[in-house]
């Protein structure tokens, strides 16, 4: 169920990532499916983590989309061995920022 959502939700972002990877020479057409599958699995893992941390589903989905966008913008600077930990760290930072903003709105 989560995977089906991620496939639909990240279709646009992951397409941009694939195009960017190919354009900067980080991936060839033959590895495109592997990267797509990896990104969807990574998004699914982060979604589970955010839900375990207490995020509601809709907020977690927004956080993951923001994280995918940041991966897209910095893809040329990332190495294969740092994408996974960086993705998790960015997602957790996004969640912390989201909670901080949400609590400040409530207290006002």
PDB file of N, CA and C in Angstrom:
ATOM      1  N   UNK A   1       0.813  -1.190   0.000  1.00  0.00           N
ATOM      2  CA  UNK A   1       0.000   0.000   0.000  1.00  0.00           C
ATOM      3  C   UNK A   1       0.864   1.265   0.000  1.00  0.00           C
ATOM      4  N   UNK A   2       1.845   1.316   0.909  1.00  0.00           N
ATOM      5  CA  UNK A   2       2.729   2.474   0.957  1.00  0.00           C
ATOM      6  C   UNK A   2       3.506   2.584  -0.346  1.00  0.00           C
ATOM      7  N   UNK A   3       3.979   1.444  -0.850  1.00  0.00           N
ATOM      8  CA  UNK A   3       4.774   1.463  -2.072  1.00  0.00           C
ATOM      9  C   UNK A   3       3.960   1.995  -3.249  1.00  0.00           C
ATOM     10  N   UNK A   4       2.677   1.622  -3.344  1.00  0.00           N
ATOM     11  CA  UNK A   4       1.830   2.129  -4.425  1.00  0.00           C
ATOM     12  C   UNK A   4       1.709   3.646  -4.352  1.00  0.00           C
ATOM     13  N   UNK A   5       1.538   4.172  -3.144  1.00  0.00           N
ATOM     14  CA  UNK A   5       1.464   5.617  -3.005  1.00  0.00           C
ATOM     15  C   UNK A   5       2.764   6.265  -3.464  1.00  0.00           C
ATOM     16  N   UNK A   6       3.882   5.709  -3.008  1.00  0.00           N
ATOM     17  CA  UNK A   6       5.173   6.302  -3.347  1.00  0.00           C
ATOM     18  C   UNK A   6       5.428   6.276  -4.841  1.00  0.00           C
ATOM     19  N   UNK A   7       5.031   5.218  -5.497  1.00  0.00           N
ATOM     20  CA  UNK A   7       5.223   5.143  -6.948  1.00  0.00           C
ATOM     21  C   UNK A   7       4.483   6.290  -7.625  1.00  0.00           C
ATOM     22  N   UNK A   8       3.258   6.548  -7.214  1.00  0.00           N
ATOM     23  CA  UNK A   8       2.485   7.629  -7.820  1.00  0.00           C
ATOM     24  C   UNK A   8       2.968   9.002  -7.369  1.00  0.00           C
ATOM     25  N   UNK A   9       3.208   9.136  -6.079  1.00  0.00           N
ATOM     26  CA  UNK A   9       3.563  10.431  -5.524  1.00  0.00           C
ATOM     27  C   UNK A   9       4.914  10.935  -6.007  1.00  0.00           C
ATOM     28  N   UNK A  10       5.861  10.040  -6.171  1.00  0.00           N
ATOM     29  CA  UNK A  10       7.204  10.450  -6.531  1.00  0.00           C
ATOM     30  C   UNK A  10       7.519  10.287  -8.009  1.00  0.00           C
ATOM     31  N   UNK A  11       6.496   9.967  -8.799  1.00  0.00           N
ATOM     32  CA  UNK A  11       6.732   9.736 -10.219  1.00  0.00           C
ATOM     33  C   UNK A  11       7.391  10.947 -10.876  1.00  0.00           C
ATOM     34  N   UNK A  12       6.892  12.118 -10.604  1.00  0.00           N
ATOM     35  CA  UNK A  12       7.442  13.332 -11.197  1.00  0.00           C
ATOM     36  C   UNK A  12       8.853  13.602 -10.676  1.00  0.00           C
ATOM     37  N   UNK A  13       9.036  13.572  -9.360  1.00  0.00           N
ATOM     38  CA  UNK A  13      10.348  13.854  -8.770  1.00  0.00           C
ATOM     39  C   UNK A  13      11.372  12.834  -9.230  1.00  0.00           C
ATOM     40  N   UNK A  14      11.008  11.571  -9.213  1.00  0.00           N
ATOM     41  CA  UNK A  14      11.989  10.556  -9.584  1.00  0.00           C
ATOM     42  C   UNK A  14      12.316  10.651 -11.073  1.00  0.00           C
ATOM     43  N   UNK A  15      11.356  11.059 -11.887  1.00  0.00           N
ATOM     44  CA  UNK A  15      11.650  11.267 -13.311  1.00  0.00           C
ATOM     45  C   UNK A  15      12.663  12.395 -13.482  1.00  0.00           C
ATOM     46  N   UNK A  16      12.498  13.463 -12.723  1.00  0.00           N
ATOM     47  CA  UNK A  16      13.466  14.556 -12.768  1.00  0.00           C
ATOM     48  C   UNK A  16      14.841  14.098 -12.307  1.00  0.00           C
ATOM     49  N   UNK A  17      14.867  13.275 -11.257  1.00  0.00           N
ATOM     50  CA  UNK A  17      16.146  12.752 -10.768  1.00  0.00           C
ATOM     51  C   UNK A  17      16.836  11.902 -11.822  1.00  0.00           C
ATOM     52  N   UNK A  18      16.070  11.055 -12.479  1.00  0.00           N
ATOM     53  CA  UNK A  18      16.654  10.206 -13.512  1.00  0.00           C
ATOM     54  C   UNK A  18      17.203  11.032 -14.667  1.00  0.00           C
ATOM     55  N   UNK A  19      16.427  12.020 -15.098  1.00  0.00           N
ATOM     56  CA  UNK A  19      16.886  12.891 -16.183  1.00  0.00           C
ATOM     57  C   UNK A  19      18.164  13.603 -15.771  1.00  0.00           C
ATOM     58  N   UNK A  20      18.181  14.100 -14.543  1.00  0.00           N
ATOM     59  CA  UNK A  20      19.374  14.804 -14.057  1.00  0.00           C
ATOM     60  C   UNK A  20      20.569  13.869 -13.962  1.00  0.00           C
ATOM     61  N   UNK A  21      20.370  12.660 -13.466  1.00  0.00           N
ATOM     62  CA  UNK A  21      21.471  11.687 -13.373  1.00  0.00           C
ATOM     63  C   UNK A  21      22.060  11.394 -14.739  1.00  0.00           C
ATOM     64  N   UNK A  22      21.194  11.210 -15.699  1.00  0.00           N
ATOM     65  CA  UNK A  22      21.655  10.919 -17.057  1.00  0.00           C
ATOM     66  C   UNK A  22      22.372  12.130 -17.639  1.00  0.00           C
ATOM     67  N   UNK A  23      21.818  13.323 -17.406  1.00  0.00           N
ATOM     68  CA  UNK A  23      22.405  14.526 -18.013  1.00  0.00           C
ATOM     69  C   UNK A  23      23.773  14.865 -17.434  1.00  0.00           C
ATOM     70  N   UNK A  24      24.011  14.556 -16.167  1.00  0.00           N
ATOM     71  CA  UNK A  24      25.321  14.852 -15.588  1.00  0.00           C
ATOM     72  C   UNK A  24      26.257  13.648 -15.637  1.00  0.00           C
ATOM     73  N   UNK A  25      25.809  12.598 -16.328  1.00  0.00           N
ATOM     74  CA  UNK A  25      26.659  11.439 -16.529  1.00  0.00           C
ATOM     75  C   UNK A  25      26.779  10.517 -15.336  1.00  0.00           C
ATOM     76  N   UNK A  26      25.881  10.630 -14.362  1.00  0.00           N
ATOM     77  CA  UNK A  26      25.941   9.787 -13.182  1.00  0.00           C
ATOM     78  C   UNK A  26      25.293   8.425 -13.398  1.00  0.00           C
ATOM     79  N   UNK A  27      24.494   8.304 -14.455  1.00  0.00           N
ATOM     80  CA  UNK A  27      23.780   7.049 -14.696  1.00  0.00           C
ATOM     81  C   UNK A  27      23.513   6.935 -16.189  1.00  0.00           C
ATOM     82  N   UNK A  28      23.518   5.697 -16.663  1.00  0.00           N
ATOM     83  CA  UNK A  28      23.162   5.492 -18.071  1.00  0.00           C
ATOM     84  C   UNK A  28      21.765   4.883 -18.142  1.00  0.00           C
ATOM     85  N   UNK A  29      21.251   4.779 -19.351  1.00  0.00           N
ATOM     86  CA  UNK A  29      19.882   4.278 -19.531  1.00  0.00           C
ATOM     87  C   UNK A  29      19.676   2.892 -18.930  1.00  0.00           C
ATOM     88  N   UNK A  30      20.730   2.071 -18.935  1.00  0.00           N
ATOM     89  CA  UNK A  30      20.593   0.703 -18.442  1.00  0.00           C
ATOM     90  C   UNK A  30      20.389   0.654 -16.929  1.00  0.00           C
ATOM     91  N   UNK A  31      20.880   1.635 -16.209  1.00  0.00           N
ATOM     92  CA  UNK A  31      20.757   1.644 -14.748  1.00  0.00           C
ATOM     93  C   UNK A  31      19.552   2.445 -14.263  1.00  0.00           C
ATOM     94  N   UNK A  32      18.778   2.966 -15.171  1.00  0.00           N
ATOM     95  CA  UNK A  32      17.638   3.817 -14.823  1.00  0.00           C
ATOM     96  C   UNK A  32      16.636   3.099 -13.926  1.00  0.00           C
ATOM     97  N   UNK A  33      16.276   1.870 -14.251  1.00  0.00           N
ATOM     98  CA  UNK A  33      15.301   1.120 -13.451  1.00  0.00           C
ATOM     99  C   UNK A  33      15.836   0.818 -12.056  1.00  0.00           C
ATOM    100  N   UNK A  34      17.126   0.563 -11.950  1.00  0.00           N
ATOM    101  CA  UNK A  34      17.734   0.280 -10.651  1.00  0.00           C
ATOM    102  C   UNK A  34      17.638   1.514  -9.756  1.00  0.00           C
ATOM    103  N   UNK A  35      17.963   2.678 -10.319  1.00  0.00           N
ATOM    104  CA  UNK A  35      17.875   3.912  -9.538  1.00  0.00           C
ATOM    105  C   UNK A  35      16.434   4.207  -9.150  1.00  0.00           C
ATOM    106  N   UNK A  36      15.511   4.043 -10.060  1.00  0.00           N
ATOM    107  CA  UNK A  36      14.102   4.305  -9.760  1.00  0.00           C
ATOM    108  C   UNK A  36      13.631   3.418  -8.618  1.00  0.00           C
ATOM    109  N   UNK A  37      13.961   2.152  -8.674  1.00  0.00           N
ATOM    110  CA  UNK A  37      13.573   1.217  -7.624  1.00  0.00           C
ATOM    111  C   UNK A  37      14.228   1.593  -6.297  1.00  0.00           C
ATOM    112  N   UNK A  38      15.496   1.968  -6.347  1.00  0.00           N
ATOM    113  CA  UNK A  38      16.229   2.358  -5.137  1.00  0.00           C
ATOM    114  C   UNK A  38      15.581   3.580  -4.491  1.00  0.00           C
ATOM    115  N   UNK A  39      15.238   4.582  -5.299  1.00  0.00           N
ATOM    116  CA  UNK A  39      14.645   5.799  -4.751  1.00  0.00           C
ATOM    117  C   UNK A  39      13.275   5.539  -4.149  1.00  0.00           C
ATOM    118  N   UNK A  40      12.491   4.689  -4.786  1.00  0.00           N
ATOM    119  CA  UNK A  40      11.171   4.360  -4.243  1.00  0.00           C
ATOM    120  C   UNK A  40      11.322   3.602  -2.923  1.00  0.00           C
ATOM    121  N   UNK A  41      12.243   2.645  -2.867  1.00  0.00           N
ATOM    122  CA  UNK A  41      12.485   1.910  -1.622  1.00  0.00           C
ATOM    123  C   UNK A  41      12.979   2.841  -0.520  1.00  0.00           C
ATOM    124  N   UNK A  42      13.859   3.766  -0.881  1.00  0.00           N
ATOM    125  CA  UNK A  42      14.377   4.726   0.087  1.00  0.00           C
ATOM    126  C   UNK A  42      13.258   5.622   0.618  1.00  0.00           C
ATOM    127  N   UNK A  43      12.396   6.095  -0.269  1.00  0.00           N
ATOM    128  CA  UNK A  43      11.257   6.898   0.158  1.00  0.00           C
ATOM    129  C   UNK A  43      10.334   6.123   1.079  1.00  0.00           C
ATOM    130  N   UNK A  44      10.144   4.844   0.799  1.00  0.00           N
ATOM    131  CA  UNK A  44       9.284   4.006   1.638  1.00  0.00           C
ATOM    132  C   UNK A  44       9.885   3.852   3.039  1.00  0.00           C
ATOM    133  N   UNK A  45      11.196   3.633   3.112  1.00  0.00           N
ATOM    134  CA  UNK A  45      11.857   3.501   4.412  1.00  0.00           C
ATOM    135  C   UNK A  45      11.747   4.792   5.225  1.00  0.00           C
ATOM    136  N   UNK A  46      11.960   5.912   4.570  1.00  0.00           N
ATOM    137  CA  UNK A  46      11.891   7.200   5.265  1.00  0.00           C
ATOM    138  C   UNK A  46      10.456   7.481   5.700  1.00  0.00           C
ATOM    139  N   UNK A  47       9.483   7.134   4.883  1.00  0.00           N
ATOM    140  CA  UNK A  47       8.087   7.313   5.275  1.00  0.00           C
ATOM    141  C   UNK A  47       7.784   6.527   6.544  1.00  0.00           C
ATOM    142  N   UNK A  48       8.227   5.288   6.612  1.00  0.00           N
ATOM    143  CA  UNK A  48       8.018   4.468   7.809  1.00  0.00           C
ATOM    144  C   UNK A  48       8.691   5.092   9.025  1.00  0.00           C
ATOM    145  N   UNK A  49       9.909   5.611   8.838  1.00  0.00           N
ATOM    146  CA  UNK A  49      10.627   6.253   9.932  1.00  0.00           C
ATOM    147  C   UNK A  49       9.872   7.485  10.441  1.00  0.00           C
ATOM    148  N   UNK A  50       9.409   8.314   9.525  1.00  0.00           N
ATOM    149  CA  UNK A  50       8.689   9.524   9.924  1.00  0.00           C
ATOM    150  C   UNK A  50       7.382   9.189  10.636  1.00  0.00           C
ATOM    151  N   UNK A  51       6.695   8.166  10.159  1.00  0.00           N
ATOM    152  CA  UNK A  51       5.462   7.738  10.830  1.00  0.00           C
ATOM    153  C   UNK A  51       5.774   7.216  12.227  1.00  0.00           C
ATOM    154  N   UNK A  52       6.887   6.494  12.368  1.00  0.00           N
ATOM    155  CA  UNK A  52       7.299   5.990  13.683  1.00  0.00           C
ATOM    156  C   UNK A  52       7.678   7.138  14.622  1.00  0.00           C
ATOM    157  N   UNK A  53       8.189   8.227  14.064  1.00  0.00           N
ATOM    158  CA  UNK A  53       8.552   9.404  14.865  1.00  0.00           C
ATOM    159  C   UNK A  53       7.326  10.223  15.277  1.00  0.00           C
ATOM    160  N   UNK A  54       6.165   9.925  14.693  1.00  0.00           N
ATOM    161  CA  UNK A  54       4.942  10.604  15.088  1.00  0.00           C
ATOM    162  C   UNK A  54       4.324  11.500  14.037  1.00  0.00           C
ATOM    163  N   UNK A  55       4.901  11.559  12.850  1.00  0.00           N
ATOM    164  CA  UNK A  55       4.321  12.383  11.787  1.00  0.00           C
ATOM    165  C   UNK A  55       3.039  11.737  11.281  1.00  0.00           C
ATOM    166  N   UNK A  56       2.082  12.572  10.900  1.00  0.00           N
ATOM    167  CA  UNK A  56       0.904  12.010  10.249  1.00  0.00           C
ATOM    168  C   UNK A  56       1.259  11.772   8.777  1.00  0.00           C
ATOM    169  N   UNK A  57       0.513  10.896   8.140  1.00  0.00           N
ATOM    170  CA  UNK A  57       0.855  10.439   6.795  1.00  0.00           C
ATOM    171  C   UNK A  57       1.030  11.583   5.798  1.00  0.00           C
ATOM    172  N   UNK A  58       0.105  12.515   5.788  1.00  0.00           N
ATOM    173  CA  UNK A  58       0.162  13.610   4.819  1.00  0.00           C
ATOM    174  C   UNK A  58       1.396  14.482   5.027  1.00  0.00           C
ATOM    175  N   UNK A  59       1.727  14.746   6.290  1.00  0.00           N
ATOM    176  CA  UNK A  59       2.911  15.548   6.583  1.00  0.00           C
ATOM    177  C   UNK A  59       4.184  14.794   6.190  1.00  0.00           C
ATOM    178  N   UNK A  60       4.219  13.497   6.474  1.00  0.00           N
ATOM    179  CA  UNK A  60       5.379  12.683   6.116  1.00  0.00           C
ATOM    180  C   UNK A  60       5.574  12.666   4.599  1.00  0.00           C
ATOM    181  N   UNK A  61       4.492  12.576   3.863  1.00  0.00           N
ATOM    182  CA  UNK A  61       4.575  12.584   2.400  1.00  0.00           C
ATOM    183  C   UNK A  61       5.139  13.909   1.892  1.00  0.00           C
ATOM    184  N   UNK A  62       4.694  15.020   2.485  1.00  0.00           N
ATOM    185  CA  UNK A  62       5.225  16.332   2.097  1.00  0.00           C
ATOM    186  C   UNK A  62       6.712  16.444   2.411  1.00  0.00           C
ATOM    187  N   UNK A  63       7.102  15.947   3.561  1.00  0.00           N
ATOM    188  CA  UNK A  63       8.511  15.988   3.964  1.00  0.00           C
ATOM    189  C   UNK A  63       9.368  15.182   2.991  1.00  0.00           C
ATOM    190  N   UNK A  64       8.883  14.025   2.598  1.00  0.00           N
ATOM    191  CA  UNK A  64       9.641  13.191   1.661  1.00  0.00           C
ATOM    192  C   UNK A  64       9.748  13.878   0.304  1.00  0.00           C
ATOM    193  N   UNK A  65       8.693  14.497  -0.150  1.00  0.00           N
ATOM    194  CA  UNK A  65       8.757  15.195  -1.424  1.00  0.00           C
ATOM    195  C   UNK A  65       9.764  16.344  -1.368  1.00  0.00           C
ATOM    196  N   UNK A  66       9.796  17.078  -0.258  1.00  0.00           N
ATOM    197  CA  UNK A  66      10.798  18.130  -0.093  1.00  0.00           C
ATOM    198  C   UNK A  66      12.208  17.549  -0.102  1.00  0.00           C
ATOM    199  N   UNK A  67      12.354  16.391   0.512  1.00  0.00           N
ATOM    200  CA  UNK A  67      13.658  15.738   0.556  1.00  0.00           C
ATOM    201  C   UNK A  67      14.081  15.286  -0.837  1.00  0.00           C
ATOM    202  N   UNK A  68      13.164  14.718  -1.603  1.00  0.00           N
ATOM    203  CA  UNK A  68      13.485  14.334  -2.979  1.00  0.00           C
ATOM    204  C   UNK A  68      13.896  15.556  -3.801  1.00  0.00           C
ATOM    205  N   UNK A  69      13.235  16.671  -3.564  1.00  0.00           N
ATOM    206  CA  UNK A  69      13.601  17.889  -4.297  1.00  0.00           C
ATOM    207  C   UNK A  69      15.024  18.312  -3.954  1.00  0.00           C
ATOM    208  N   UNK A  70      15.383  18.236  -2.677  1.00  0.00           N
ATOM    209  CA  UNK A  70      16.744  18.606  -2.275  1.00  0.00           C
ATOM    210  C   UNK A  70      17.770  17.651  -2.878  1.00  0.00           C
ATOM    211  N   UNK A  71      17.433  16.369  -2.938  1.00  0.00           N
ATOM    212  CA  UNK A  71      18.326  15.406  -3.595  1.00  0.00           C
ATOM    213  C   UNK A  71      18.515  15.811  -5.052  1.00  0.00           C
ATOM    214  N   UNK A  72      17.430  16.188  -5.697  1.00  0.00           N
ATOM    215  CA  UNK A  72      17.491  16.604  -7.100  1.00  0.00           C
ATOM    216  C   UNK A  72      18.423  17.797  -7.281  1.00  0.00           C
ATOM    217  N   UNK A  73      18.292  18.798  -6.426  1.00  0.00           N
ATOM    218  CA  UNK A  73      19.080  20.017  -6.594  1.00  0.00           C
ATOM    219  C   UNK A  73      20.556  19.816  -6.290  1.00  0.00           C
ATOM    220  N   UNK A  74      20.887  18.843  -5.456  1.00  0.00           N
ATOM    221  CA  UNK A  74      22.284  18.633  -5.067  1.00  0.00           C
ATOM    222  C   UNK A  74      22.877  17.347  -5.617  1.00  0.00           C
ATOM    223  N   UNK A  75      22.202  16.736  -6.560  1.00  0.00           N
ATOM    224  CA  UNK A  75      22.617  15.434  -7.053  1.00  0.00           C
ATOM    225  C   UNK A  75      24.046  15.428  -7.594  1.00  0.00           C
ATOM    226  N   UNK A  76      24.462  16.482  -8.250  1.00  0.00           N
ATOM    227  CA  UNK A  76      25.809  16.533  -8.798  1.00  0.00           C
ATOM    228  C   UNK A  76      26.888  16.494  -7.736  1.00  0.00           C
ATOM    229  N   UNK A  77      26.547  16.913  -6.505  1.00  0.00           N
ATOM    230  CA  UNK A  77      27.517  16.951  -5.411  1.00  0.00           C
ATOM    231  C   UNK A  77      27.524  15.688  -4.562  1.00  0.00           C
ATOM    232  N   UNK A  78      26.525  14.834  -4.721  1.00  0.00           N
ATOM    233  CA  UNK A  78      26.417  13.632  -3.887  1.00  0.00           C
ATOM    234  C   UNK A  78      27.142  12.455  -4.520  1.00  0.00           C
ATOM    235  N   UNK A  79      27.711  11.631  -3.647  1.00  0.00           N
ATOM    236  CA  UNK A  79      28.311  10.374  -4.100  1.00  0.00           C
ATOM    237  C   UNK A  79      27.322   9.246  -3.798  1.00  0.00           C
ATOM    238  N   UNK A  80      27.464   8.148  -4.513  1.00  0.00           N
ATOM    239  CA  UNK A  80      26.540   7.022  -4.324  1.00  0.00           C
ATOM    240  C   UNK A  80      26.511   6.545  -2.880  1.00  0.00           C
ATOM    241  N   UNK A  81      27.673   6.524  -2.226  1.00  0.00           N
ATOM    242  CA  UNK A  81      27.726   6.010  -0.858  1.00  0.00           C
ATOM    243  C   UNK A  81      27.170   6.984   0.180  1.00  0.00           C
ATOM    244  N   UNK A  82      26.877   8.219  -0.220  1.00  0.00           N
ATOM    245  CA  UNK A  82      26.345   9.190   0.742  1.00  0.00           C
ATOM    246  C   UNK A  82      24.876   9.529   0.518  1.00  0.00           C
ATOM    247  N   UNK A  83      24.271   9.047  -0.554  1.00  0.00           N
ATOM    248  CA  UNK A  83      22.880   9.413  -0.831  1.00  0.00           C
ATOM    249  C   UNK A  83      21.947   8.923   0.277  1.00  0.00           C
ATOM    250  N   UNK A  84      22.070   7.673   0.675  1.00  0.00           N
ATOM    251  CA  UNK A  84      21.163   7.105   1.674  1.00  0.00           C
ATOM    252  C   UNK A  84      21.242   7.838   3.019  1.00  0.00           C
ATOM    253  N   UNK A  85      22.420   7.958   3.645  1.00  0.00           N
ATOM    254  CA  UNK A  85      22.456   8.661   4.938  1.00  0.00           C
ATOM    255  C   UNK A  85      22.063  10.134   4.813  1.00  0.00           C
ATOM    256  N   UNK A  86      22.449  10.756   3.714  1.00  0.00           N
ATOM    257  CA  UNK A  86      22.106  12.153   3.500  1.00  0.00           C
ATOM    258  C   UNK A  86      20.597  12.303   3.381  1.00  0.00           C
ATOM    259  N   UNK A  87      19.949  11.405   2.648  1.00  0.00           N
ATOM    260  CA  UNK A  87      18.498  11.437   2.475  1.00  0.00           C
ATOM    261  C   UNK A  87      17.795  11.334   3.825  1.00  0.00           C
ATOM    262  N   UNK A  88      18.230  10.394   4.660  1.00  0.00           N
ATOM    263  CA  UNK A  88      17.622  10.236   5.977  1.00  0.00           C
ATOM    264  C   UNK A  88      17.833  11.484   6.826  1.00  0.00           C
ATOM    265  N   UNK A  89      19.042  12.028   6.818  1.00  0.00           N
ATOM    266  CA  UNK A  89      19.341  13.209   7.629  1.00  0.00           C
ATOM    267  C   UNK A  89      18.503  14.410   7.186  1.00  0.00           C
ATOM    268  N   UNK A  90      18.408  14.617   5.880  1.00  0.00           N
ATOM    269  CA  UNK A  90      17.601  15.736   5.366  1.00  0.00           C
ATOM    270  C   UNK A  90      16.134  15.548   5.740  1.00  0.00           C
ATOM    271  N   UNK A  91      15.620  14.352   5.604  1.00  0.00           N
ATOM    272  CA  UNK A  91      14.220  14.082   5.952  1.00  0.00           C
ATOM    273  C   UNK A  91      13.968  14.335   7.437  1.00  0.00           C
ATOM    274  N   UNK A  92      14.872  13.895   8.293  1.00  0.00           N
ATOM    275  CA  UNK A  92      14.690  14.135   9.728  1.00  0.00           C
ATOM    276  C   UNK A  92      14.781  15.626  10.058  1.00  0.00           C
ATOM    277  N   UNK A  93      15.699  16.335   9.416  1.00  0.00           N
ATOM    278  CA  UNK A  93      15.787  17.785   9.629  1.00  0.00           C
ATOM    279  C   UNK A  93      14.519  18.487   9.155  1.00  0.00           C
ATOM    280  N   UNK A  94      13.987  18.048   8.026  1.00  0.00           N
ATOM    281  CA  UNK A  94      12.722  18.606   7.525  1.00  0.00           C
ATOM    282  C   UNK A  94      11.598  18.358   8.535  1.00  0.00           C
ATOM    283  N   UNK A  95      11.577  17.175   9.119  1.00  0.00           N
ATOM    284  CA  UNK A  95      10.552  16.842  10.109  1.00  0.00           C
ATOM    285  C   UNK A  95      10.689  17.727  11.349  1.00  0.00           C
ATOM    286  N   UNK A  96      11.916  17.915  11.813  1.00  0.00           N
ATOM    287  CA  UNK A  96      12.154  18.771  12.977  1.00  0.00           C
ATOM    288  C   UNK A  96      11.701  20.199  12.687  1.00  0.00           C
ATOM    289  N   UNK A  97      12.059  20.710  11.511  1.00  0.00           N
ATOM    290  CA  UNK A  97      11.625  22.060  11.122  1.00  0.00           C
ATOM    291  C   UNK A  97      10.104  22.148  11.042  1.00  0.00           C
ATOM    292  N   UNK A  98       9.486  21.117  10.475  1.00  0.00           N
ATOM    293  CA  UNK A  98       8.031  21.091  10.361  1.00  0.00           C
ATOM    294  C   UNK A  98       7.379  21.145  11.743  1.00  0.00           C
ATOM    295  N   UNK A  99       7.874  20.331  12.675  1.00  0.00           N
ATOM    296  CA  UNK A  99       7.320  20.321  14.029  1.00  0.00           C
ATOM    297  C   UNK A  99       7.517  21.667  14.709  1.00  0.00           C
ATOM    298  N   UNK A 100       8.674  22.278  14.502  1.00  0.00           N
ATOM    299  CA  UNK A 100       8.967  23.581  15.098  1.00  0.00           C
ATOM    300  C   UNK A 100       7.993  24.639  14.568  1.00  0.00           C
ATOM    301  N   UNK A 101       7.784  24.642  13.253  1.00  0.00           N
ATOM    302  CA  UNK A 101       6.855  25.611  12.652  1.00  0.00           C
ATOM    303  C   UNK A 101       5.427  25.363  13.132  1.00  0.00           C
ATOM    304  N   UNK A 102       5.056  24.107  13.209  1.00  0.00           N
ATOM    305  CA  UNK A 102       3.695  23.762  13.625  1.00  0.00           C
ATOM    306  C   UNK A 102       3.460  24.175  15.084  1.00  0.00           C
ATOM    307  N   UNK A 103       4.434  23.972  15.945  1.00  0.00           N
ATOM    308  CA  UNK A 103       4.258  24.350  17.348  1.00  0.00           C
ATOM    309  C   UNK A 103       4.236  25.860  17.522  1.00  0.00           C
ATOM    310  N   UNK A 104       4.987  26.588  16.688  1.00  0.00           N
ATOM    311  CA  UNK A 104       4.950  28.050  16.794  1.00  0.00           C
ATOM    312  C   UNK A 104       3.618  28.603  16.318  1.00  0.00           C
ATOM    313  N   UNK A 105       2.987  27.957  15.335  1.00  0.00           N
ATOM    314  CA  UNK A 105       1.665  28.377  14.879  1.00  0.00           C
ATOM    315  C   UNK A 105       0.608  28.132  15.943  1.00  0.00           C
ATOM    316  N   UNK A 106       0.755  27.054  16.675  1.00  0.00           N
ATOM    317  CA  UNK A 106      -0.210  26.706  17.716  1.00  0.00           C
ATOM    318  C   UNK A 106      -0.102  27.671  18.892  1.00  0.00           C
ATOM    319  N   UNK A 107       1.118  28.074  19.242  1.00  0.00           N
ATOM    320  CA  UNK A 107       1.314  28.938  20.393  1.00  0.00           C
ATOM    321  C   UNK A 107       0.947  30.390  20.142  1.00  0.00           C
ATOM    322  N   UNK A 108       0.810  30.774  18.872  1.00  0.00           N
ATOM    323  CA  UNK A 108       0.469  32.167  18.554  1.00  0.00           C
ATOM    324  C   UNK A 108      -0.976  32.448  18.713  1.00  0.00           C
TER     325      UNK A 108
END
